[in-house]
Protein backbone atom coordinates (compact mmCIF):
# COMPACT_ATOMS: atom_id res chain seq x y z
CA UNK A 1 0.00 0.00 0.00
CA UNK A 2 1.32 3.45 -0.88
CA UNK A 3 2.18 5.73 2.05
CA UNK A 4 0.18 8.99 1.96
CA UNK A 5 2.32 11.98 1.25
CA UNK A 6 2.86 14.89 3.58
CA UNK A 7 1.22 17.22 1.08
CA UNK A 8 -1.92 15.08 0.87
CA UNK A 9 -2.20 14.99 4.64
CA UNK A 10 -1.77 18.75 4.88
CA UNK A 11 -4.32 19.57 2.19
CA UNK A 12 -6.95 17.12 3.44
CA UNK A 13 -6.49 18.30 7.02
CA UNK A 14 -6.71 21.95 6.00
CA UNK A 15 -9.90 21.41 4.01
CA UNK A 16 -11.50 19.36 6.77
CA UNK A 17 -10.68 21.82 9.55
CA UNK A 18 -11.67 24.81 7.39
CA UNK A 19 -14.98 23.13 6.64
CA UNK A 20 -15.58 22.64 10.35
CA UNK A 21 -14.45 26.20 11.21
CA UNK A 22 -16.45 28.17 8.70
CA UNK A 23 -19.60 26.10 8.33
CA UNK A 24 -22.00 24.83 11.00
CA UNK A 25 -21.05 21.18 10.42
CA UNK A 26 -19.76 20.59 13.94
CA UNK A 27 -22.51 22.69 15.52
CA UNK A 28 -25.19 20.49 13.99
CA UNK A 29 -23.23 17.32 14.76
CA UNK A 30 -22.61 18.27 18.41
CA UNK A 31 -26.23 19.32 18.86
CA UNK A 32 -27.43 16.01 17.42
CA UNK A 33 -25.18 13.98 19.71
CA UNK A 34 -26.02 16.11 22.75
CA UNK A 35 -22.69 17.82 23.23
CA UNK A 36 -23.93 21.40 22.78
CA UNK A 37 -22.12 22.55 25.95
CA UNK A 38 -18.78 22.00 24.18
CA UNK A 39 -19.56 24.40 21.32
CA UNK A 40 -17.95 27.33 23.11
CA UNK A 41 -14.59 25.55 23.15
CA UNK A 42 -14.44 24.64 19.46
CA UNK A 43 -12.52 27.77 18.51
CA UNK A 44 -9.75 26.89 20.97
CA UNK A 45 -9.18 23.64 19.10
CA UNK A 46 -10.10 24.37 15.49
CA UNK A 47 -8.11 27.56 14.85
CA UNK A 48 -4.79 26.12 16.10
CA UNK A 49 -5.49 22.93 14.13
CA UNK A 50 -6.13 25.04 11.02
CA UNK A 51 -2.84 26.89 11.53
CA UNK A 52 -0.97 23.59 12.00
CA UNK A 53 -2.42 22.04 8.84
CA UNK A 54 -1.74 25.17 6.77
CA UNK A 55 1.83 25.14 8.05
CA UNK A 56 2.13 21.44 7.20
CA UNK A 57 0.90 22.12 3.67
CA UNK A 58 3.39 24.97 3.19
CA UNK A 59 6.22 22.83 4.56
CA UNK A 60 5.29 19.95 2.24
CA UNK A 61 5.23 22.28 -0.78
CA UNK A 62 8.62 23.67 0.24
CA UNK A 63 10.10 20.17 0.58
CA UNK A 64 8.64 19.09 -2.75
CA UNK A 65 10.09 22.11 -4.54
CA UNK A 66 13.55 21.72 -2.99
CA UNK A 67 13.66 17.99 -3.75
CA UNK A 68 12.77 18.58 -7.39
CA UNK A 69 15.57 21.11 -7.84
CA UNK A 70 18.03 18.46 -6.70
CA UNK A 71 19.70 20.74 -4.19
CA UNK A 72 22.58 21.36 -6.57
CA UNK A 73 23.44 24.89 -7.70
CA UNK A 74 26.17 23.97 -10.16
CA UNK A 75 25.87 26.46 -13.01
CA UNK A 76 28.92 25.32 -14.97
PDB file of N, CA and C in Angstrom:
ATOM      1  N   UNK A   1       0.845  -1.175   0.000  1.00  0.00           N
ATOM      2  CA  UNK A   1       0.000   0.000   0.000  1.00  0.00           C
ATOM      3  C   UNK A   1       0.890   1.237   0.000  1.00  0.00           C
ATOM      4  N   UNK A   2       0.529   2.228  -0.768  1.00  0.00           N
ATOM      5  CA  UNK A   2       1.319   3.445  -0.884  1.00  0.00           C
ATOM      6  C   UNK A   2       1.118   4.330   0.337  1.00  0.00           C
ATOM      7  N   UNK A   3       2.225   4.853   0.879  1.00  0.00           N
ATOM      8  CA  UNK A   3       2.178   5.726   2.045  1.00  0.00           C
ATOM      9  C   UNK A   3       1.655   7.102   1.615  1.00  0.00           C
ATOM     10  N   UNK A   4       0.690   7.664   2.351  1.00  0.00           N
ATOM     11  CA  UNK A   4       0.177   8.989   1.964  1.00  0.00           C
ATOM     12  C   UNK A   4       1.259  10.049   2.127  1.00  0.00           C
ATOM     13  N   UNK A   5       1.283  10.963   1.211  1.00  0.00           N
ATOM     14  CA  UNK A   5       2.318  11.984   1.245  1.00  0.00           C
ATOM     15  C   UNK A   5       1.988  13.065   2.267  1.00  0.00           C
ATOM     16  N   UNK A   6       3.000  13.802   2.622  1.00  0.00           N
ATOM     17  CA  UNK A   6       2.856  14.888   3.575  1.00  0.00           C
ATOM     18  C   UNK A   6       1.943  15.973   3.008  1.00  0.00           C
ATOM     19  N   UNK A   7       2.049  16.205   1.719  1.00  0.00           N
ATOM     20  CA  UNK A   7       1.216  17.223   1.078  1.00  0.00           C
ATOM     21  C   UNK A   7      -0.254  16.812   1.101  1.00  0.00           C
ATOM     22  N   UNK A   8      -0.539  15.557   0.838  1.00  0.00           N
ATOM     23  CA  UNK A   8      -1.920  15.078   0.865  1.00  0.00           C
ATOM     24  C   UNK A   8      -2.514  15.217   2.260  1.00  0.00           C
ATOM     25  N   UNK A   9      -1.737  14.863   3.263  1.00  0.00           N
ATOM     26  CA  UNK A   9      -2.200  14.986   4.640  1.00  0.00           C
ATOM     27  C   UNK A   9      -2.476  16.440   4.995  1.00  0.00           C
ATOM     28  N   UNK A  10      -1.589  17.329   4.589  1.00  0.00           N
ATOM     29  CA  UNK A  10      -1.773  18.747   4.875  1.00  0.00           C
ATOM     30  C   UNK A  10      -2.995  19.331   4.198  1.00  0.00           C
ATOM     31  N   UNK A  11      -3.184  19.012   2.940  1.00  0.00           N
ATOM     32  CA  UNK A  11      -4.319  19.569   2.194  1.00  0.00           C
ATOM     33  C   UNK A  11      -5.643  19.020   2.711  1.00  0.00           C
ATOM     34  N   UNK A  12      -5.712  17.715   2.935  1.00  0.00           N
ATOM     35  CA  UNK A  12      -6.952  17.118   3.438  1.00  0.00           C
ATOM     36  C   UNK A  12      -7.279  17.649   4.826  1.00  0.00           C
ATOM     37  N   UNK A  13      -6.272  17.760   5.683  1.00  0.00           N
ATOM     38  CA  UNK A  13      -6.492  18.302   7.016  1.00  0.00           C
ATOM     39  C   UNK A  13      -6.936  19.749   6.990  1.00  0.00           C
ATOM     40  N   UNK A  14      -6.328  20.547   6.124  1.00  0.00           N
ATOM     41  CA  UNK A  14      -6.711  21.951   5.999  1.00  0.00           C
ATOM     42  C   UNK A  14      -8.146  22.097   5.533  1.00  0.00           C
ATOM     43  N   UNK A  15      -8.524  21.335   4.530  1.00  0.00           N
ATOM     44  CA  UNK A  15      -9.896  21.408   4.009  1.00  0.00           C
ATOM     45  C   UNK A  15     -10.896  20.954   5.062  1.00  0.00           C
ATOM     46  N   UNK A  16     -10.585  19.878   5.756  1.00  0.00           N
ATOM     47  CA  UNK A  16     -11.502  19.364   6.768  1.00  0.00           C
ATOM     48  C   UNK A  16     -11.674  20.336   7.932  1.00  0.00           C
ATOM     49  N   UNK A  17     -10.584  20.884   8.435  1.00  0.00           N
ATOM     50  CA  UNK A  17     -10.679  21.822   9.546  1.00  0.00           C
ATOM     51  C   UNK A  17     -11.335  23.127   9.097  1.00  0.00           C
ATOM     52  N   UNK A  18     -11.026  23.595   7.891  1.00  0.00           N
ATOM     53  CA  UNK A  18     -11.667  24.813   7.392  1.00  0.00           C
ATOM     54  C   UNK A  18     -13.167  24.604   7.218  1.00  0.00           C
ATOM     55  N   UNK A  19     -13.562  23.441   6.773  1.00  0.00           N
ATOM     56  CA  UNK A  19     -14.979  23.134   6.640  1.00  0.00           C
ATOM     57  C   UNK A  19     -15.669  23.169   7.997  1.00  0.00           C
ATOM     58  N   UNK A  20     -15.000  22.643   9.012  1.00  0.00           N
ATOM     59  CA  UNK A  20     -15.581  22.643  10.351  1.00  0.00           C
ATOM     60  C   UNK A  20     -15.536  24.027  10.999  1.00  0.00           C
ATOM     61  N   UNK A  21     -14.565  24.847  10.624  1.00  0.00           N
ATOM     62  CA  UNK A  21     -14.449  26.196  11.206  1.00  0.00           C
ATOM     63  C   UNK A  21     -15.499  27.154  10.648  1.00  0.00           C
ATOM     64  N   UNK A  22     -15.671  27.121   9.357  1.00  0.00           N
ATOM     65  CA  UNK A  22     -16.448  28.167   8.701  1.00  0.00           C
ATOM     66  C   UNK A  22     -17.850  27.745   8.278  1.00  0.00           C
ATOM     67  N   UNK A  23     -18.236  26.538   8.584  1.00  0.00           N
ATOM     68  CA  UNK A  23     -19.604  26.098   8.334  1.00  0.00           C
ATOM     69  C   UNK A  23     -20.144  25.473   9.616  1.00  0.00           C
ATOM     70  N   UNK A  24     -21.427  25.375   9.750  1.00  0.00           N
ATOM     71  CA  UNK A  24     -21.996  24.832  10.998  1.00  0.00           C
ATOM     72  C   UNK A  24     -22.026  23.307  11.055  1.00  0.00           C
ATOM     73  N   UNK A  25     -21.063  22.639  10.436  1.00  0.00           N
ATOM     74  CA  UNK A  25     -21.048  21.176  10.425  1.00  0.00           C
ATOM     75  C   UNK A  25     -20.927  20.627  11.840  1.00  0.00           C
ATOM     76  N   UNK A  26     -19.944  21.099  12.591  1.00  0.00           N
ATOM     77  CA  UNK A  26     -19.758  20.591  13.943  1.00  0.00           C
ATOM     78  C   UNK A  26     -20.855  21.040  14.894  1.00  0.00           C
ATOM     79  N   UNK A  27     -21.419  22.216  14.660  1.00  0.00           N
ATOM     80  CA  UNK A  27     -22.506  22.693  15.519  1.00  0.00           C
ATOM     81  C   UNK A  27     -23.701  21.757  15.410  1.00  0.00           C
ATOM     82  N   UNK A  28     -24.056  21.400  14.203  1.00  0.00           N
ATOM     83  CA  UNK A  28     -25.186  20.494  13.988  1.00  0.00           C
ATOM     84  C   UNK A  28     -24.852  19.100  14.533  1.00  0.00           C
ATOM     85  N   UNK A  29     -23.631  18.630  14.282  1.00  0.00           N
ATOM     86  CA  UNK A  29     -23.231  17.316  14.760  1.00  0.00           C
ATOM     87  C   UNK A  29     -23.228  17.258  16.287  1.00  0.00           C
ATOM     88  N   UNK A  30     -22.649  18.256  16.940  1.00  0.00           N
ATOM     89  CA  UNK A  30     -22.614  18.268  18.408  1.00  0.00           C
ATOM     90  C   UNK A  30     -24.012  18.388  18.998  1.00  0.00           C
ATOM     91  N   UNK A  31     -24.863  19.184  18.363  1.00  0.00           N
ATOM     92  CA  UNK A  31     -26.231  19.318  18.865  1.00  0.00           C
ATOM     93  C   UNK A  31     -27.001  18.010  18.718  1.00  0.00           C
ATOM     94  N   UNK A  32     -26.760  17.291  17.640  1.00  0.00           N
ATOM     95  CA  UNK A  32     -27.425  16.015  17.421  1.00  0.00           C
ATOM     96  C   UNK A  32     -26.997  14.974  18.448  1.00  0.00           C
ATOM     97  N   UNK A  33     -25.717  14.969  18.776  1.00  0.00           N
ATOM     98  CA  UNK A  33     -25.178  13.983  19.711  1.00  0.00           C
ATOM     99  C   UNK A  33     -25.450  14.377  21.157  1.00  0.00           C
ATOM    100  N   UNK A  34     -25.733  15.650  21.401  1.00  0.00           N
ATOM    101  CA  UNK A  34     -26.017  16.108  22.754  1.00  0.00           C
ATOM    102  C   UNK A  34     -24.831  16.749  23.440  1.00  0.00           C
ATOM    103  N   UNK A  35     -23.877  17.205  22.677  1.00  0.00           N
ATOM    104  CA  UNK A  35     -22.689  17.825  23.234  1.00  0.00           C
ATOM    105  C   UNK A  35     -22.669  19.336  23.001  1.00  0.00           C
ATOM    106  N   UNK A  36     -23.824  19.974  23.070  1.00  0.00           N
ATOM    107  CA  UNK A  36     -23.928  21.400  22.784  1.00  0.00           C
ATOM    108  C   UNK A  36     -23.141  22.257  23.769  1.00  0.00           C
ATOM    109  N   UNK A  37     -22.878  21.774  24.961  1.00  0.00           N
ATOM    110  CA  UNK A  37     -22.118  22.547  25.949  1.00  0.00           C
ATOM    111  C   UNK A  37     -20.672  22.735  25.509  1.00  0.00           C
ATOM    112  N   UNK A  38     -20.168  21.904  24.631  1.00  0.00           N
ATOM    113  CA  UNK A  38     -18.777  22.005  24.177  1.00  0.00           C
ATOM    114  C   UNK A  38     -18.596  22.973  23.020  1.00  0.00           C
ATOM    115  N   UNK A  39     -19.666  23.533  22.492  1.00  0.00           N
ATOM    116  CA  UNK A  39     -19.562  24.400  21.318  1.00  0.00           C
ATOM    117  C   UNK A  39     -18.736  25.652  21.581  1.00  0.00           C
ATOM    118  N   UNK A  40     -18.722  26.135  22.804  1.00  0.00           N
ATOM    119  CA  UNK A  40     -17.947  27.326  23.114  1.00  0.00           C
ATOM    120  C   UNK A  40     -16.451  27.108  23.056  1.00  0.00           C
ATOM    121  N   UNK A  41     -16.013  25.862  23.141  1.00  0.00           N
ATOM    122  CA  UNK A  41     -14.588  25.554  23.149  1.00  0.00           C
ATOM    123  C   UNK A  41     -14.051  25.125  21.787  1.00  0.00           C
ATOM    124  N   UNK A  42     -14.892  25.081  20.775  1.00  0.00           N
ATOM    125  CA  UNK A  42     -14.439  24.636  19.459  1.00  0.00           C
ATOM    126  C   UNK A  42     -13.367  25.544  18.867  1.00  0.00           C
ATOM    127  N   UNK A  43     -13.497  26.842  19.080  1.00  0.00           N
ATOM    128  CA  UNK A  43     -12.518  27.770  18.514  1.00  0.00           C
ATOM    129  C   UNK A  43     -11.127  27.562  19.099  1.00  0.00           C
ATOM    130  N   UNK A  44     -11.052  27.128  20.347  1.00  0.00           N
ATOM    131  CA  UNK A  44      -9.751  26.888  20.971  1.00  0.00           C
ATOM    132  C   UNK A  44      -9.034  25.687  20.370  1.00  0.00           C
ATOM    133  N   UNK A  45      -9.773  24.829  19.709  1.00  0.00           N
ATOM    134  CA  UNK A  45      -9.179  23.643  19.098  1.00  0.00           C
ATOM    135  C   UNK A  45      -9.050  23.805  17.583  1.00  0.00           C
ATOM    136  N   UNK A  46     -10.079  24.340  16.945  1.00  0.00           N
ATOM    137  CA  UNK A  46     -10.102  24.366  15.487  1.00  0.00           C
ATOM    138  C   UNK A  46      -9.133  25.376  14.878  1.00  0.00           C
ATOM    139  N   UNK A  47      -9.007  26.561  15.442  1.00  0.00           N
ATOM    140  CA  UNK A  47      -8.114  27.559  14.850  1.00  0.00           C
ATOM    141  C   UNK A  47      -6.642  27.154  14.957  1.00  0.00           C
ATOM    142  N   UNK A  48      -6.161  26.636  16.099  1.00  0.00           N
ATOM    143  CA  UNK A  48      -4.789  26.124  16.096  1.00  0.00           C
ATOM    144  C   UNK A  48      -4.597  24.932  15.154  1.00  0.00           C
ATOM    145  N   UNK A  49      -5.592  24.060  15.054  1.00  0.00           N
ATOM    146  CA  UNK A  49      -5.491  22.932  14.126  1.00  0.00           C
ATOM    147  C   UNK A  49      -5.418  23.428  12.687  1.00  0.00           C
ATOM    148  N   UNK A  50      -6.181  24.460  12.366  1.00  0.00           N
ATOM    149  CA  UNK A  50      -6.135  25.037  11.020  1.00  0.00           C
ATOM    150  C   UNK A  50      -4.753  25.613  10.738  1.00  0.00           C
ATOM    151  N   UNK A  51      -4.182  26.319  11.704  1.00  0.00           N
ATOM    152  CA  UNK A  51      -2.837  26.887  11.531  1.00  0.00           C
ATOM    153  C   UNK A  51      -1.792  25.785  11.356  1.00  0.00           C
ATOM    154  N   UNK A  52      -1.911  24.707  12.108  1.00  0.00           N
ATOM    155  CA  UNK A  52      -0.967  23.589  11.995  1.00  0.00           C
ATOM    156  C   UNK A  52      -1.059  22.925  10.627  1.00  0.00           C
ATOM    157  N   UNK A  53      -2.272  22.683  10.150  1.00  0.00           N
ATOM    158  CA  UNK A  53      -2.419  22.040   8.841  1.00  0.00           C
ATOM    159  C   UNK A  53      -1.997  22.950   7.690  1.00  0.00           C
ATOM    160  N   UNK A  54      -2.233  24.244   7.802  1.00  0.00           N
ATOM    161  CA  UNK A  54      -1.741  25.170   6.770  1.00  0.00           C
ATOM    162  C   UNK A  54      -0.218  25.180   6.770  1.00  0.00           C
ATOM    163  N   UNK A  55       0.373  25.197   7.956  1.00  0.00           N
ATOM    164  CA  UNK A  55       1.828  25.138   8.049  1.00  0.00           C
ATOM    165  C   UNK A  55       2.384  23.843   7.486  1.00  0.00           C
ATOM    166  N   UNK A  56       1.711  22.733   7.740  1.00  0.00           N
ATOM    167  CA  UNK A  56       2.125  21.439   7.204  1.00  0.00           C
ATOM    168  C   UNK A  56       2.063  21.429   5.682  1.00  0.00           C
ATOM    169  N   UNK A  57       1.034  22.036   5.124  1.00  0.00           N
ATOM    170  CA  UNK A  57       0.903  22.118   3.671  1.00  0.00           C
ATOM    171  C   UNK A  57       2.021  22.964   3.071  1.00  0.00           C
ATOM    172  N   UNK A  58       2.311  24.103   3.692  1.00  0.00           N
ATOM    173  CA  UNK A  58       3.385  24.973   3.190  1.00  0.00           C
ATOM    174  C   UNK A  58       4.734  24.258   3.290  1.00  0.00           C
ATOM    175  N   UNK A  59       4.967  23.574   4.397  1.00  0.00           N
ATOM    176  CA  UNK A  59       6.215  22.831   4.562  1.00  0.00           C
ATOM    177  C   UNK A  59       6.346  21.726   3.511  1.00  0.00           C
ATOM    178  N   UNK A  60       5.258  21.018   3.241  1.00  0.00           N
ATOM    179  CA  UNK A  60       5.294  19.949   2.243  1.00  0.00           C
ATOM    180  C   UNK A  60       5.557  20.511   0.849  1.00  0.00           C
ATOM    181  N   UNK A  61       4.963  21.646   0.527  1.00  0.00           N
ATOM    182  CA  UNK A  61       5.231  22.278  -0.778  1.00  0.00           C
ATOM    183  C   UNK A  61       6.681  22.723  -0.877  1.00  0.00           C
ATOM    184  N   UNK A  62       7.216  23.255   0.223  1.00  0.00           N
ATOM    185  CA  UNK A  62       8.617  23.674   0.241  1.00  0.00           C
ATOM    186  C   UNK A  62       9.536  22.475   0.030  1.00  0.00           C
ATOM    187  N   UNK A  63       9.272  21.371   0.737  1.00  0.00           N
ATOM    188  CA  UNK A  63      10.100  20.172   0.584  1.00  0.00           C
ATOM    189  C   UNK A  63      10.001  19.584  -0.816  1.00  0.00           C
ATOM    190  N   UNK A  64       8.803  19.635  -1.396  1.00  0.00           N
ATOM    191  CA  UNK A  64       8.640  19.087  -2.749  1.00  0.00           C
ATOM    192  C   UNK A  64       9.412  19.915  -3.768  1.00  0.00           C
ATOM    193  N   UNK A  65       9.375  21.249  -3.596  1.00  0.00           N
ATOM    194  CA  UNK A  65      10.090  22.110  -4.536  1.00  0.00           C
ATOM    195  C   UNK A  65      11.598  21.996  -4.384  1.00  0.00           C
ATOM    196  N   UNK A  66      12.102  21.853  -3.161  1.00  0.00           N
ATOM    197  CA  UNK A  66      13.545  21.725  -2.987  1.00  0.00           C
ATOM    198  C   UNK A  66      14.046  20.358  -3.422  1.00  0.00           C
ATOM    199  N   UNK A  67      13.216  19.320  -3.302  1.00  0.00           N
ATOM    200  CA  UNK A  67      13.660  17.995  -3.745  1.00  0.00           C
ATOM    201  C   UNK A  67      13.654  17.887  -5.272  1.00  0.00           C
ATOM    202  N   UNK A  68      12.798  18.609  -5.926  1.00  0.00           N
ATOM    203  CA  UNK A  68      12.773  18.584  -7.394  1.00  0.00           C
ATOM    204  C   UNK A  68      13.960  19.328  -7.995  1.00  0.00           C
ATOM    205  N   UNK A  69      14.440  20.357  -7.306  1.00  0.00           N
ATOM    206  CA  UNK A  69      15.566  21.106  -7.842  1.00  0.00           C
ATOM    207  C   UNK A  69      16.865  20.328  -7.684  1.00  0.00           C
ATOM    208  N   UNK A  70      16.862  19.300  -6.871  1.00  0.00           N
ATOM    209  CA  UNK A  70      18.031  18.456  -6.705  1.00  0.00           C
ATOM    210  C   UNK A  70      19.018  18.973  -5.689  1.00  0.00           C
ATOM    211  N   UNK A  71      18.820  20.182  -5.208  1.00  0.00           N
ATOM    212  CA  UNK A  71      19.699  20.737  -4.191  1.00  0.00           C
ATOM    213  C   UNK A  71      21.078  21.080  -4.703  1.00  0.00           C
ATOM    214  N   UNK A  72      21.277  21.089  -5.989  1.00  0.00           N
ATOM    215  CA  UNK A  72      22.584  21.361  -6.575  1.00  0.00           C
ATOM    216  C   UNK A  72      22.527  22.675  -7.336  1.00  0.00           C
ATOM    217  N   UNK A  73      23.411  23.587  -7.027  1.00  0.00           N
ATOM    218  CA  UNK A  73      23.438  24.886  -7.703  1.00  0.00           C
ATOM    219  C   UNK A  73      24.667  25.004  -8.577  1.00  0.00           C
ATOM    220  N   UNK A  74      25.013  23.982  -9.281  1.00  0.00           N
ATOM    221  CA  UNK A  74      26.166  23.971 -10.156  1.00  0.00           C
ATOM    222  C   UNK A  74      25.781  24.556 -11.506  1.00  0.00           C
ATOM    223  N   UNK A  75      26.247  25.767 -11.775  1.00  0.00           N
ATOM    224  CA  UNK A  75      25.868  26.460 -13.007  1.00  0.00           C
ATOM    225  C   UNK A  75      26.857  26.229 -14.133  1.00  0.00           C
ATOM    226  N   UNK A  76      27.913  25.475 -13.926  1.00  0.00           N
ATOM    227  CA  UNK A  76      28.925  25.323 -14.974  1.00  0.00           C
ATOM    228  C   UNK A  76      28.634  24.219 -15.929  1.00  0.00           C
TER     229      UNK A  76
END
